[in-house]
Amino acid sequence: MDRARQFSQEAWLMGWVMLALVGAVAFGLLALFGAPRSLWSFGAAALMLGATGYALQARPALPGAPVAAGKAVAMDAEGVAKMRELRSAMFGQFTALDYAFYPADALIRSGKADTAARLMLGAVRQTPQAPALWTWLGMTLVEADQGTMSPAAGLAFRRGVALAPKHPGPPFFYGMALARAGQPEAAIPWLRRALQLTPDGASYRGDIQGAVIQIQMLAAMRARAAQPPTQ
């Protein structure tokens, strides 16, 4: 009994050591790549969510313990502002599509995400060949659903990707939304695709690199939590 208790304590401690290393490596790489600190807040929230799930539902001393189901990651105001900044960097600023973007942004800031989603839905009906509008419809639907990825949101993102298969914007925002929805493993291929499509000199390349690092670290954390203890 004492040996089993000792093993349980050692496994628990080792698990937290691994989680700490994951976090340290993640933020070290973010600093190395020069990712803006406004993206760090998303990474911190995601890593803390993974750690919480590990502590509560993936106890390494319990073989076969369930891993926490994906949960939405909250983004603070700085993170939300960064997503809008990246939208302008990727899709352009002061374009004809601002007739939809700016009112939707204002509605979300005022806590009316459902109304913003309806506005974006009307926009894609009016301009159905605009990948940026479909992408942001997906983002507003995720916001309206409190960070969860609904089938309608996924459809909107994939429509954006289909309309602009060589543009990094739609897969990037799709990946970020999946990560926020607690699906980092599903997010990684989309984020990697966005990075591959991004020109070397693009102003937002570092942001995408930082996002890839963050989400890969979160996925590694979840994989570590799912592993049975070694005997």
C-alpha atoms as a PDB file:
ATOM      1  CA  MET A   1       0.000   0.000   0.000  1.00  0.00           C
ATOM      2  CA  ASP A   2       2.816   2.396   0.940  1.00  0.00           C
ATOM      3  CA  ARG A   3       4.615   1.600  -2.327  1.00  0.00           C
ATOM      4  CA  ALA A   4       1.456   2.262  -4.326  1.00  0.00           C
ATOM      5  CA  ARG A   5       0.973   5.570  -2.520  1.00  0.00           C
ATOM      6  CA  GLN A   6       4.592   6.523  -3.179  1.00  0.00           C
ATOM      7  CA  PHE A   7       4.201   5.672  -6.868  1.00  0.00           C
ATOM      8  CA  SER A   8       1.046   7.783  -7.001  1.00  0.00           C
ATOM      9  CA  GLN A   9       2.826  10.779  -5.516  1.00  0.00           C
ATOM     10  CA  GLU A  10       5.844  10.395  -7.799  1.00  0.00           C
ATOM     11  CA  ALA A  11       3.649  10.086 -10.897  1.00  0.00           C
ATOM     12  CA  TRP A  12       1.636  13.127  -9.843  1.00  0.00           C
ATOM     13  CA  LEU A  13       4.804  15.184  -9.310  1.00  0.00           C
ATOM     14  CA  MET A  14       6.335  14.050 -12.599  1.00  0.00           C
ATOM     15  CA  GLY A  15       3.167  15.012 -14.438  1.00  0.00           C
ATOM     16  CA  TRP A  16       3.313  18.546 -13.104  1.00  0.00           C
ATOM     17  CA  VAL A  17       7.018  18.796 -13.892  1.00  0.00           C
ATOM     18  CA  MET A  18       6.247  17.859 -17.487  1.00  0.00           C
ATOM     19  CA  LEU A  19       3.449  20.430 -17.663  1.00  0.00           C
ATOM     20  CA  ALA A  20       5.773  23.124 -16.323  1.00  0.00           C
ATOM     21  CA  LEU A  21       8.383  22.208 -18.939  1.00  0.00           C
ATOM     22  CA  VAL A  22       5.774  22.368 -21.692  1.00  0.00           C
ATOM     23  CA  GLY A  23       4.762  25.851 -20.599  1.00  0.00           C
ATOM     24  CA  ALA A  24       8.363  27.060 -20.285  1.00  0.00           C
ATOM     25  CA  VAL A  25       9.307  25.742 -23.715  1.00  0.00           C
ATOM     26  CA  ALA A  26       6.175  27.224 -25.276  1.00  0.00           C
ATOM     27  CA  PHE A  27       6.757  30.737 -24.020  1.00  0.00           C
ATOM     28  CA  GLY A  28      10.494  30.499 -24.658  1.00  0.00           C
ATOM     29  CA  LEU A  29       9.799  29.704 -28.301  1.00  0.00           C
ATOM     30  CA  LEU A  30       7.256  32.503 -28.518  1.00  0.00           C
ATOM     31  CA  ALA A  31       9.912  34.941 -27.335  1.00  0.00           C
ATOM     32  CA  LEU A  32      12.437  33.466 -29.783  1.00  0.00           C
ATOM     33  CA  PHE A  33      10.095  33.939 -32.740  1.00  0.00           C
ATOM     34  CA  GLY A  34       9.110  37.406 -31.549  1.00  0.00           C
ATOM     35  CA  ALA A  35       5.401  36.632 -31.280  1.00  0.00           C
ATOM     36  CA  PRO A  36       3.451  39.663 -30.019  1.00  0.00           C
ATOM     37  CA  ARG A  37       2.517  39.581 -26.349  1.00  0.00           C
ATOM     38  CA  SER A  38      -1.134  40.041 -27.273  1.00  0.00           C
ATOM     39  CA  LEU A  39      -1.069  36.472 -28.601  1.00  0.00           C
ATOM     40  CA  TRP A  40       0.602  35.238 -25.419  1.00  0.00           C
ATOM     41  CA  SER A  41      -2.609  35.792 -23.478  1.00  0.00           C
ATOM     42  CA  PHE A  42      -4.361  33.209 -25.626  1.00  0.00           C
ATOM     43  CA  GLY A  43      -1.529  30.765 -25.113  1.00  0.00           C
ATOM     44  CA  ALA A  44      -1.539  31.314 -21.364  1.00  0.00           C
ATOM     45  CA  ALA A  45      -5.280  30.711 -21.182  1.00  0.00           C
ATOM     46  CA  ALA A  46      -4.987  27.578 -23.283  1.00  0.00           C
ATOM     47  CA  LEU A  47      -2.117  26.180 -21.236  1.00  0.00           C
ATOM     48  CA  MET A  48      -3.901  26.926 -17.974  1.00  0.00           C
ATOM     49  CA  LEU A  49      -6.986  25.172 -19.290  1.00  0.00           C
ATOM     50  CA  GLY A  50      -4.902  22.138 -20.141  1.00  0.00           C
ATOM     51  CA  ALA A  51      -3.294  22.163 -16.722  1.00  0.00           C
ATOM     52  CA  THR A  52      -6.666  22.430 -15.009  1.00  0.00           C
ATOM     53  CA  GLY A  53      -8.007  19.501 -16.992  1.00  0.00           C
ATOM     54  CA  TYR A  54      -4.903  17.513 -16.128  1.00  0.00           C
ATOM     55  CA  ALA A  55      -5.237  18.234 -12.423  1.00  0.00           C
ATOM     56  CA  LEU A  56      -8.944  17.490 -12.210  1.00  0.00           C
ATOM     57  CA  GLN A  57      -9.625  14.689 -14.669  1.00  0.00           C
ATOM     58  CA  ALA A  58      -6.378  13.075 -15.740  1.00  0.00           C
ATOM     59  CA  ARG A  59      -4.824  11.971 -12.472  1.00  0.00           C
ATOM     60  CA  PRO A  60      -1.774   9.953 -13.453  1.00  0.00           C
ATOM     61  CA  ALA A  61      -2.184   7.610 -10.493  1.00  0.00           C
ATOM     62  CA  LEU A  62      -5.481   6.318 -11.826  1.00  0.00           C
ATOM     63  CA  PRO A  63      -5.043   4.011 -14.838  1.00  0.00           C
ATOM     64  CA  GLY A  64      -7.531   4.796 -17.535  1.00  0.00           C
ATOM     65  CA  ALA A  65      -8.656   8.047 -15.911  1.00  0.00           C
ATOM     66  CA  PRO A  66     -10.674  10.127 -18.396  1.00  0.00           C
ATOM     67  CA  VAL A  67      -9.097  13.164 -19.966  1.00  0.00           C
ATOM     68  CA  ALA A  68     -11.015  16.388 -19.764  1.00  0.00           C
ATOM     69  CA  ALA A  69     -13.266  16.965 -22.729  1.00  0.00           C
ATOM     70  CA  GLY A  70     -12.457  19.986 -24.867  1.00  0.00           C
ATOM     71  CA  LYS A  71     -13.656  23.238 -23.346  1.00  0.00           C
ATOM     72  CA  ALA A  72     -13.696  26.718 -24.782  1.00  0.00           C
ATOM     73  CA  VAL A  73     -10.811  29.048 -23.971  1.00  0.00           C
ATOM     74  CA  ALA A  74     -11.770  32.597 -23.070  1.00  0.00           C
ATOM     75  CA  MET A  75      -9.886  35.406 -24.806  1.00  0.00           C
ATOM     76  CA  ASP A  76      -9.398  38.751 -23.118  1.00  0.00           C
ATOM     77  CA  ALA A  77      -9.970  42.091 -24.805  1.00  0.00           C
ATOM     78  CA  GLU A  78      -6.355  42.274 -25.946  1.00  0.00           C
ATOM     79  CA  GLY A  79      -6.596  38.874 -27.619  1.00  0.00           C
ATOM     80  CA  VAL A  80      -9.835  39.814 -29.365  1.00  0.00           C
ATOM     81  CA  ALA A  81      -8.275  43.055 -30.581  1.00  0.00           C
ATOM     82  CA  LYS A  82      -5.311  41.089 -31.919  1.00  0.00           C
ATOM     83  CA  MET A  83      -7.618  38.837 -33.942  1.00  0.00           C
ATOM     84  CA  ARG A  84      -9.145  41.933 -35.539  1.00  0.00           C
ATOM     85  CA  GLU A  85      -5.710  43.364 -36.237  1.00  0.00           C
ATOM     86  CA  LEU A  86      -4.688  40.123 -37.950  1.00  0.00           C
ATOM     87  CA  ARG A  87      -7.907  40.161 -39.967  1.00  0.00           C
ATOM     88  CA  SER A  88      -6.920  43.575 -41.341  1.00  0.00           C
ATOM     89  CA  ALA A  89      -3.354  42.433 -41.985  1.00  0.00           C
ATOM     90  CA  MET A  90      -4.454  39.327 -43.875  1.00  0.00           C
ATOM     91  CA  PHE A  91      -7.575  40.501 -45.683  1.00  0.00           C
ATOM     92  CA  GLY A  92      -6.810  44.211 -46.019  1.00  0.00           C
ATOM     93  CA  GLN A  93      -7.831  47.376 -44.231  1.00  0.00           C
ATOM     94  CA  PHE A  94     -10.341  49.985 -45.384  1.00  0.00           C
ATOM     95  CA  THR A  95     -11.898  47.662 -47.931  1.00  0.00           C
ATOM     96  CA  ALA A  96     -15.426  47.338 -49.237  1.00  0.00           C
ATOM     97  CA  LEU A  97     -16.015  44.559 -46.709  1.00  0.00           C
ATOM     98  CA  ASP A  98     -15.762  46.956 -43.777  1.00  0.00           C
ATOM     99  CA  TYR A  99     -19.512  47.568 -44.119  1.00  0.00           C
ATOM    100  CA  ALA A 100     -19.895  44.239 -42.338  1.00  0.00           C
ATOM    101  CA  PHE A 101     -16.742  43.998 -40.221  1.00  0.00           C
ATOM    102  CA  TYR A 102     -16.989  47.247 -38.276  1.00  0.00           C
ATOM    103  CA  PRO A 103     -20.651  46.932 -37.214  1.00  0.00           C
ATOM    104  CA  ALA A 104     -20.066  43.281 -36.249  1.00  0.00           C
ATOM    105  CA  ASP A 105     -17.051  44.291 -34.164  1.00  0.00           C
ATOM    106  CA  ALA A 106     -19.085  46.977 -32.405  1.00  0.00           C
ATOM    107  CA  LEU A 107     -21.907  44.556 -31.661  1.00  0.00           C
ATOM    108  CA  ILE A 108     -19.506  42.006 -30.167  1.00  0.00           C
ATOM    109  CA  ARG A 109     -17.890  44.691 -28.005  1.00  0.00           C
ATOM    110  CA  SER A 110     -21.328  45.582 -26.682  1.00  0.00           C
ATOM    111  CA  GLY A 111     -22.101  41.949 -25.854  1.00  0.00           C
ATOM    112  CA  LYS A 112     -24.466  41.338 -28.780  1.00  0.00           C
ATOM    113  CA  ALA A 113     -22.637  38.474 -30.475  1.00  0.00           C
ATOM    114  CA  ASP A 114     -25.885  36.864 -31.680  1.00  0.00           C
ATOM    115  CA  THR A 115     -26.804  40.051 -33.530  1.00  0.00           C
ATOM    116  CA  ALA A 116     -23.286  40.251 -34.947  1.00  0.00           C
ATOM    117  CA  ALA A 117     -23.618  36.710 -36.280  1.00  0.00           C
ATOM    118  CA  ARG A 118     -26.912  37.564 -37.960  1.00  0.00           C
ATOM    119  CA  LEU A 119     -25.308  40.645 -39.500  1.00  0.00           C
ATOM    120  CA  MET A 120     -22.432  38.553 -40.888  1.00  0.00           C
ATOM    121  CA  LEU A 121     -24.889  35.992 -42.221  1.00  0.00           C
ATOM    122  CA  GLY A 122     -26.628  38.771 -44.137  1.00  0.00           C
ATOM    123  CA  ALA A 123     -23.247  39.936 -45.424  1.00  0.00           C
ATOM    124  CA  VAL A 124     -22.312  36.548 -46.914  1.00  0.00           C
ATOM    125  CA  ARG A 125     -25.714  36.384 -48.557  1.00  0.00           C
ATOM    126  CA  GLN A 126     -25.079  39.795 -50.102  1.00  0.00           C
ATOM    127  CA  THR A 127     -21.462  39.001 -51.095  1.00  0.00           C
ATOM    128  CA  PRO A 128     -21.274  35.192 -51.248  1.00  0.00           C
ATOM    129  CA  GLN A 129     -17.889  35.002 -52.996  1.00  0.00           C
ATOM    130  CA  ALA A 130     -15.923  36.856 -50.302  1.00  0.00           C
ATOM    131  CA  PRO A 131     -13.758  34.416 -48.299  1.00  0.00           C
ATOM    132  CA  ALA A 132     -13.059  37.038 -45.636  1.00  0.00           C
ATOM    133  CA  LEU A 133     -16.757  37.414 -44.895  1.00  0.00           C
ATOM    134  CA  TRP A 134     -17.280  33.662 -44.592  1.00  0.00           C
ATOM    135  CA  THR A 135     -14.272  33.418 -42.321  1.00  0.00           C
ATOM    136  CA  TRP A 136     -15.527  36.166 -40.052  1.00  0.00           C
ATOM    137  CA  LEU A 137     -19.005  34.672 -40.049  1.00  0.00           C
ATOM    138  CA  GLY A 138     -17.334  31.612 -38.537  1.00  0.00           C
ATOM    139  CA  MET A 139     -15.577  33.761 -35.943  1.00  0.00           C
ATOM    140  CA  THR A 140     -18.770  35.563 -34.933  1.00  0.00           C
ATOM    141  CA  LEU A 141     -20.687  32.279 -34.700  1.00  0.00           C
ATOM    142  CA  VAL A 142     -18.004  30.906 -32.372  1.00  0.00           C
ATOM    143  CA  GLU A 143     -18.235  34.080 -30.299  1.00  0.00           C
ATOM    144  CA  ALA A 144     -22.025  33.832 -30.184  1.00  0.00           C
ATOM    145  CA  ASP A 145     -21.747  30.227 -28.996  1.00  0.00           C
ATOM    146  CA  GLN A 146     -19.336  31.237 -26.214  1.00  0.00           C
ATOM    147  CA  GLY A 147     -16.285  29.740 -27.838  1.00  0.00           C
ATOM    148  CA  THR A 148     -17.729  26.456 -29.071  1.00  0.00           C
ATOM    149  CA  MET A 149     -17.426  25.242 -32.665  1.00  0.00           C
ATOM    150  CA  SER A 150     -20.906  24.638 -34.040  1.00  0.00           C
ATOM    151  CA  PRO A 151     -21.526  22.826 -37.352  1.00  0.00           C
ATOM    152  CA  ALA A 152     -22.618  26.159 -38.840  1.00  0.00           C
ATOM    153  CA  ALA A 153     -19.361  27.825 -37.793  1.00  0.00           C
ATOM    154  CA  GLY A 154     -17.289  24.973 -39.199  1.00  0.00           C
ATOM    155  CA  LEU A 155     -19.199  25.194 -42.474  1.00  0.00           C
ATOM    156  CA  ALA A 156     -18.549  28.940 -42.690  1.00  0.00           C
ATOM    157  CA  PHE A 157     -14.817  28.491 -42.129  1.00  0.00           C
ATOM    158  CA  ARG A 158     -14.538  25.706 -44.689  1.00  0.00           C
ATOM    159  CA  ARG A 159     -16.426  27.813 -47.224  1.00  0.00           C
ATOM    160  CA  GLY A 160     -13.865  30.565 -46.694  1.00  0.00           C
ATOM    161  CA  VAL A 161     -11.047  28.077 -47.253  1.00  0.00           C
ATOM    162  CA  ALA A 162     -12.701  26.742 -50.409  1.00  0.00           C
ATOM    163  CA  LEU A 163     -13.100  30.221 -51.864  1.00  0.00           C
ATOM    164  CA  ALA A 164      -9.439  31.126 -51.233  1.00  0.00           C
ATOM    165  CA  PRO A 165      -7.433  27.885 -51.052  1.00  0.00           C
ATOM    166  CA  LYS A 166      -4.072  29.691 -51.318  1.00  0.00           C
ATOM    167  CA  HIS A 167      -4.823  32.395 -48.754  1.00  0.00           C
ATOM    168  CA  PRO A 168      -3.538  31.937 -45.183  1.00  0.00           C
ATOM    169  CA  GLY A 169      -6.398  33.834 -43.554  1.00  0.00           C
ATOM    170  CA  PRO A 170      -9.247  31.312 -43.591  1.00  0.00           C
ATOM    171  CA  PRO A 171      -7.203  28.330 -42.322  1.00  0.00           C
ATOM    172  CA  PHE A 172      -5.523  30.495 -39.673  1.00  0.00           C
ATOM    173  CA  PHE A 173      -8.759  31.758 -38.151  1.00  0.00           C
ATOM    174  CA  TYR A 174     -10.326  28.312 -38.456  1.00  0.00           C
ATOM    175  CA  GLY A 175      -7.409  26.840 -36.545  1.00  0.00           C
ATOM    176  CA  MET A 176      -7.552  29.503 -33.855  1.00  0.00           C
ATOM    177  CA  ALA A 177     -11.283  28.991 -33.429  1.00  0.00           C
ATOM    178  CA  LEU A 178     -10.825  25.219 -33.132  1.00  0.00           C
ATOM    179  CA  ALA A 179      -8.140  25.729 -30.505  1.00  0.00           C
ATOM    180  CA  ARG A 180     -10.363  28.100 -28.592  1.00  0.00           C
ATOM    181  CA  ALA A 181     -13.129  25.498 -28.736  1.00  0.00           C
ATOM    182  CA  GLY A 182     -10.858  22.994 -26.974  1.00  0.00           C
ATOM    183  CA  GLN A 183      -9.817  21.076 -30.107  1.00  0.00           C
ATOM    184  CA  PRO A 184      -6.076  21.791 -30.422  1.00  0.00           C
ATOM    185  CA  GLU A 185      -5.344  18.540 -32.273  1.00  0.00           C
ATOM    186  CA  ALA A 186      -7.835  19.505 -34.985  1.00  0.00           C
ATOM    187  CA  ALA A 187      -6.464  23.052 -35.064  1.00  0.00           C
ATOM    188  CA  ILE A 188      -2.836  22.166 -35.760  1.00  0.00           C
ATOM    189  CA  PRO A 189      -3.204  21.069 -39.429  1.00  0.00           C
ATOM    190  CA  TRP A 190      -5.087  24.264 -40.259  1.00  0.00           C
ATOM    191  CA  LEU A 191      -2.527  26.468 -38.549  1.00  0.00           C
ATOM    192  CA  ARG A 192       0.332  24.667 -40.272  1.00  0.00           C
ATOM    193  CA  ARG A 193      -1.444  25.125 -43.589  1.00  0.00           C
ATOM    194  CA  ALA A 194      -1.798  28.834 -42.884  1.00  0.00           C
ATOM    195  CA  LEU A 195       1.915  29.083 -42.105  1.00  0.00           C
ATOM    196  CA  GLN A 196       2.836  27.277 -45.321  1.00  0.00           C
ATOM    197  CA  LEU A 197       0.707  29.711 -47.310  1.00  0.00           C
ATOM    198  CA  THR A 198       2.195  32.802 -45.641  1.00  0.00           C
ATOM    199  CA  PRO A 199       4.960  34.640 -47.539  1.00  0.00           C
ATOM    200  CA  ASP A 200       8.275  34.907 -45.708  1.00  0.00           C
ATOM    201  CA  GLY A 201       8.087  38.671 -45.530  1.00  0.00           C
ATOM    202  CA  ALA A 202       4.487  38.935 -44.349  1.00  0.00           C
ATOM    203  CA  SER A 203       4.044  41.123 -41.272  1.00  0.00           C
ATOM    204  CA  TYR A 204       1.888  38.480 -39.597  1.00  0.00           C
ATOM    205  CA  ARG A 205       4.128  35.466 -40.181  1.00  0.00           C
ATOM    206  CA  GLY A 206       5.483  35.668 -36.631  1.00  0.00           C
ATOM    207  CA  ASP A 207       1.941  35.677 -35.274  1.00  0.00           C
ATOM    208  CA  ILE A 208       1.115  32.471 -37.117  1.00  0.00           C
ATOM    209  CA  GLN A 209       4.369  30.850 -36.008  1.00  0.00           C
ATOM    210  CA  GLY A 210       3.561  31.784 -32.427  1.00  0.00           C
ATOM    211  CA  ALA A 211       0.066  30.337 -32.727  1.00  0.00           C
ATOM    212  CA  VAL A 212       1.421  27.043 -34.100  1.00  0.00           C
ATOM    213  CA  ILE A 213       3.818  26.771 -31.157  1.00  0.00           C
ATOM    214  CA  GLN A 214       1.132  27.532 -28.590  1.00  0.00           C
ATOM    215  CA  ILE A 215      -1.396  25.073 -29.927  1.00  0.00           C
ATOM    216  CA  GLN A 216       1.184  22.308 -30.408  1.00  0.00           C
ATOM    217  CA  MET A 217       2.199  22.734 -26.762  1.00  0.00           C
ATOM    218  CA  LEU A 218      -1.424  22.507 -25.657  1.00  0.00           C
ATOM    219  CA  ALA A 219      -1.904  19.344 -27.723  1.00  0.00           C
ATOM    220  CA  ALA A 220       1.260  17.883 -26.174  1.00  0.00           C
ATOM    221  CA  MET A 221      -0.102  18.647 -22.731  1.00  0.00           C
ATOM    222  CA  ARG A 222      -3.357  16.873 -23.497  1.00  0.00           C
ATOM    223  CA  ALA A 223      -1.493  13.882 -24.919  1.00  0.00           C
ATOM    224  CA  ARG A 224       0.643  13.694 -21.793  1.00  0.00           C
ATOM    225  CA  ALA A 225      -2.463  13.761 -19.627  1.00  0.00           C
ATOM    226  CA  ALA A 226      -3.989  10.915 -21.611  1.00  0.00           C
ATOM    227  CA  GLN A 227      -1.031   8.575 -21.161  1.00  0.00           C
ATOM    228  CA  PRO A 228      -1.415   5.767 -18.594  1.00  0.00           C
ATOM    229  CA  PRO A 229       1.169   5.771 -15.794  1.00  0.00           C
ATOM    230  CA  THR A 230       4.294   3.704 -16.297  1.00  0.00           C
ATOM    231  CA  GLN A 231       4.663   0.775 -13.953  1.00  0.00           C
END
